[in-house]
Protein backbone atom coordinates (compact mmCIF):
# COMPACT_ATOMS: atom_id res chain seq x y z
CA MET A 1 99.23 89.21 118.09
CA PRO A 2 95.91 90.68 116.86
CA ARG A 3 95.00 90.07 113.21
CA ASN A 4 92.79 91.68 110.63
CA ILE A 5 91.93 91.37 106.97
CA GLU A 6 92.54 94.57 105.03
CA ILE A 7 91.40 95.91 101.71
CA LYS A 8 92.62 99.28 100.52
CA ALA A 9 91.41 100.89 97.29
CA ARG A 10 90.91 104.09 95.40
CA ILE A 11 87.23 104.98 95.26
CA ASP A 12 85.41 107.40 93.01
CA GLY A 13 82.96 109.91 94.33
CA ASP A 14 82.45 112.87 96.57
CA LEU A 15 83.27 112.25 100.25
CA ASN A 16 79.76 113.15 101.43
CA ASP A 17 78.18 110.90 98.78
CA LEU A 18 80.44 108.04 99.89
CA ILE A 19 79.51 108.57 103.54
CA ASN A 20 75.82 108.54 102.58
CA ARG A 21 76.33 105.32 100.58
CA ILE A 22 78.09 103.58 103.47
CA GLN A 23 76.02 104.97 106.36
CA PRO A 24 73.17 102.40 106.06
CA LEU A 25 75.76 99.64 106.67
CA ALA A 26 77.25 101.37 109.71
CA ASP A 27 76.60 100.77 113.39
CA GLY A 28 76.44 104.51 114.09
CA PRO A 29 77.39 107.96 112.83
CA PRO A 30 80.76 108.62 111.18
CA ARG A 31 83.69 110.01 113.17
CA HIS A 32 86.12 112.47 111.62
CA LEU A 33 89.77 112.09 112.59
CA THR A 34 92.97 113.97 111.78
CA GLN A 35 95.97 111.64 111.88
CA SER A 36 99.70 111.97 111.36
CA ASP A 37 101.67 108.73 110.90
CA THR A 38 105.46 108.84 111.04
CA PHE A 39 106.97 105.71 109.46
CA PHE A 40 110.38 104.57 110.65
CA ASN A 41 112.97 102.47 108.89
CA CYS A 42 112.16 98.96 110.04
CA PRO A 43 114.79 96.22 109.66
CA THR A 44 112.30 93.35 110.16
CA GLY A 45 110.46 93.95 106.89
CA GLY A 46 107.29 94.99 108.71
CA ARG A 47 106.14 98.57 109.15
CA LEU A 48 106.54 100.68 112.27
CA LYS A 49 104.67 103.94 112.67
CA LEU A 50 103.99 106.49 115.35
CA ARG A 51 100.41 107.73 115.07
CA ILE A 52 99.41 111.08 116.48
CA GLU A 53 95.69 111.66 116.32
CA GLN A 54 93.87 114.83 117.26
CA ASP A 55 92.08 114.43 120.62
CA SER A 56 93.39 110.87 121.20
CA PRO A 57 96.47 109.33 122.80
CA ALA A 58 99.40 108.66 120.48
CA GLN A 59 100.09 105.06 119.45
CA LEU A 60 103.12 103.10 118.29
CA ILE A 61 101.93 100.55 115.72
CA TYR A 62 103.92 97.69 114.27
CA TYR A 63 102.39 95.56 111.54
CA GLU A 64 103.26 92.89 109.04
CA ARG A 65 101.17 92.56 105.90
CA ASN A 66 101.63 91.02 102.48
CA ASP A 67 101.40 93.60 99.72
CA VAL A 68 98.68 92.12 97.52
CA ALA A 69 95.89 93.92 95.67
CA SER A 70 93.48 91.08 95.07
CA LEU A 71 90.40 89.71 96.76
CA SER A 72 91.49 86.22 95.75
CA VAL A 73 94.39 86.40 98.23
CA PRO A 74 93.54 87.27 101.86
CA LYS A 75 95.43 90.39 102.92
CA LEU A 76 96.20 89.33 106.46
CA SER A 77 97.75 91.89 108.75
CA ASN A 78 99.31 90.98 112.11
CA TYR A 79 99.74 94.01 114.31
CA SER A 80 100.64 95.26 117.75
CA ILE A 81 99.65 98.64 119.21
CA ALA A 82 101.07 100.41 122.27
CA PRO A 83 99.71 103.65 123.74
CA ILE A 84 102.35 106.38 123.95
CA SER A 85 102.36 109.22 126.47
CA HIS A 86 105.43 111.11 125.14
CA PRO A 87 105.27 110.86 121.33
CA SER A 88 107.80 113.56 120.42
CA GLU A 89 110.46 112.05 122.72
CA LEU A 90 109.77 108.56 121.37
CA LYS A 91 109.95 109.87 117.79
CA ASN A 92 113.43 111.26 118.50
CA VAL A 93 114.63 108.03 120.12
CA LEU A 94 113.27 105.82 117.31
CA THR A 95 114.72 108.12 114.64
CA MET A 96 118.16 107.74 116.18
CA ALA A 97 117.86 104.03 116.96
CA LEU A 98 116.43 102.95 113.60
CA GLY A 99 118.49 105.14 111.31
CA GLY A 100 115.92 107.70 110.37
CA ILE A 101 112.38 108.29 109.29
CA ARG A 102 111.03 106.68 106.14
CA GLY A 103 108.30 109.29 105.71
CA GLN A 104 105.20 110.87 107.12
CA ILE A 105 101.54 110.55 106.18
CA ASP A 106 99.05 113.23 107.18
CA LYS A 107 95.44 112.37 106.54
CA ASP A 108 91.86 113.27 107.24
CA ARG A 109 89.94 110.10 108.00
CA THR A 110 86.24 109.42 108.21
CA LEU A 111 85.64 106.31 110.30
CA LEU A 112 82.52 104.17 110.22
CA LEU A 113 82.10 100.90 112.12
CA THR A 114 80.01 97.97 110.96
CA GLY A 115 79.35 94.39 112.04
CA HIS A 116 78.95 95.42 115.69
CA GLY A 117 82.33 97.13 115.53
CA GLN A 118 84.20 94.20 113.96
CA THR A 119 84.92 96.09 110.75
CA ARG A 120 86.37 99.56 110.47
CA ILE A 121 85.64 101.44 107.25
CA HIS A 122 88.03 104.33 106.61
CA LEU A 123 87.53 107.03 104.00
CA ASP A 124 90.90 108.74 103.76
CA GLN A 125 92.13 111.93 102.16
CA VAL A 126 95.94 111.83 102.22
CA LYS A 127 98.12 114.93 101.99
CA GLY A 128 100.27 114.65 98.88
CA LEU A 129 97.75 112.28 97.23
CA GLU A 130 94.84 114.72 97.23
CA SER A 131 93.48 113.73 93.83
CA THR A 132 92.13 110.46 95.28
CA ILE A 133 89.80 109.37 98.04
CA PHE A 134 90.89 106.06 99.49
CA ILE A 135 88.76 103.48 101.25
CA GLU A 136 90.16 100.95 103.66
CA LEU A 137 88.32 98.04 105.22
CA GLU A 138 89.76 96.42 108.32
CA VAL A 139 87.96 93.27 109.45
CA VAL A 140 89.33 92.58 112.94
CA LEU A 141 89.40 88.82 113.38
CA ARG A 142 88.22 87.24 116.59
CA ASP A 143 90.50 84.55 118.00
CA ASP A 144 88.10 81.86 116.75
CA GLN A 145 87.80 83.28 113.21
CA THR A 146 89.76 82.09 110.22
CA VAL A 147 91.37 84.31 107.60
CA GLU A 148 88.83 82.96 105.11
CA GLU A 149 85.90 84.07 107.28
CA GLY A 150 87.35 87.57 107.45
CA GLN A 151 87.87 87.57 103.69
CA ILE A 152 84.20 86.68 103.14
CA ILE A 153 83.15 89.65 105.29
CA ALA A 154 85.51 91.95 103.35
CA LYS A 155 84.31 90.69 99.95
CA ASP A 156 80.68 91.18 100.97
CA LEU A 157 81.36 94.77 102.06
CA CYS A 158 83.27 95.47 98.83
CA GLN A 159 80.25 94.35 96.86
CA LYS A 160 77.77 96.37 98.96
CA ILE A 161 79.90 99.54 98.82
CA GLY A 162 80.95 99.16 95.18
CA ILE A 163 84.69 98.70 95.62
CA GLU A 164 86.04 97.22 92.39
CA GLU A 165 89.03 94.90 92.52
CA LYS A 166 90.76 96.88 89.74
CA ASN A 167 90.99 99.82 92.19
CA HIS A 168 92.61 97.81 95.01
CA ILE A 169 95.99 99.00 96.24
CA LYS A 170 98.63 96.54 97.35
CA CYS A 171 100.78 98.82 99.49
CA ALA A 172 100.62 101.37 102.29
CA TYR A 173 99.97 105.09 101.80
CA ILE A 174 103.61 105.77 102.61
CA ASP A 175 104.65 103.64 99.62
CA LEU A 176 102.26 105.54 97.32
CA LEU A 177 103.46 108.91 98.60
CA LEU A 178 107.16 108.02 98.23
CA GLU A 179 106.48 106.73 94.71
CA GLU A 180 104.69 110.00 93.86
CA GLN A 181 107.56 112.07 95.29
CA ASN A 182 110.12 110.06 93.27
CA LYS A 183 108.26 111.00 90.05
CA GLN A 184 108.81 114.70 90.73
């Protein structure tokens, strides 16, 4: 199963200023994506989502990740991705089979790659959480890399970009959105 090290945080600033700050670290120009992630009830304790992305094939993504918000603990994510040719039909089947949908995240994502494509830097604006810009680092580990090596790469990028540990988020966007909706 593929693995990556993830850091997710709130980040202050204007989106264009953030892109300009990160661009010198990137392998190329930013890509702008519109994504919709439908999260399903998942009895294994992991997370299962159907991702529909504008101008790209749909994907079914399963992942397991500890919910920690600290650089001192590697945030290892094990994941599996399958391309999907009939997303609406699959969404209906999974909704019935898994007892419903947990929630949906709609986001505008700016993607930058660094480290010869090993690290994905996401700048996300999430519907329902509009007051915040989020940054997510995903260091995709090679088979021969340790979790600690990935963590070093992530820590270095956090320092270069200015991501403070106090702004780290321990959970997924769906958890933040559901928490926000429960306050209302």
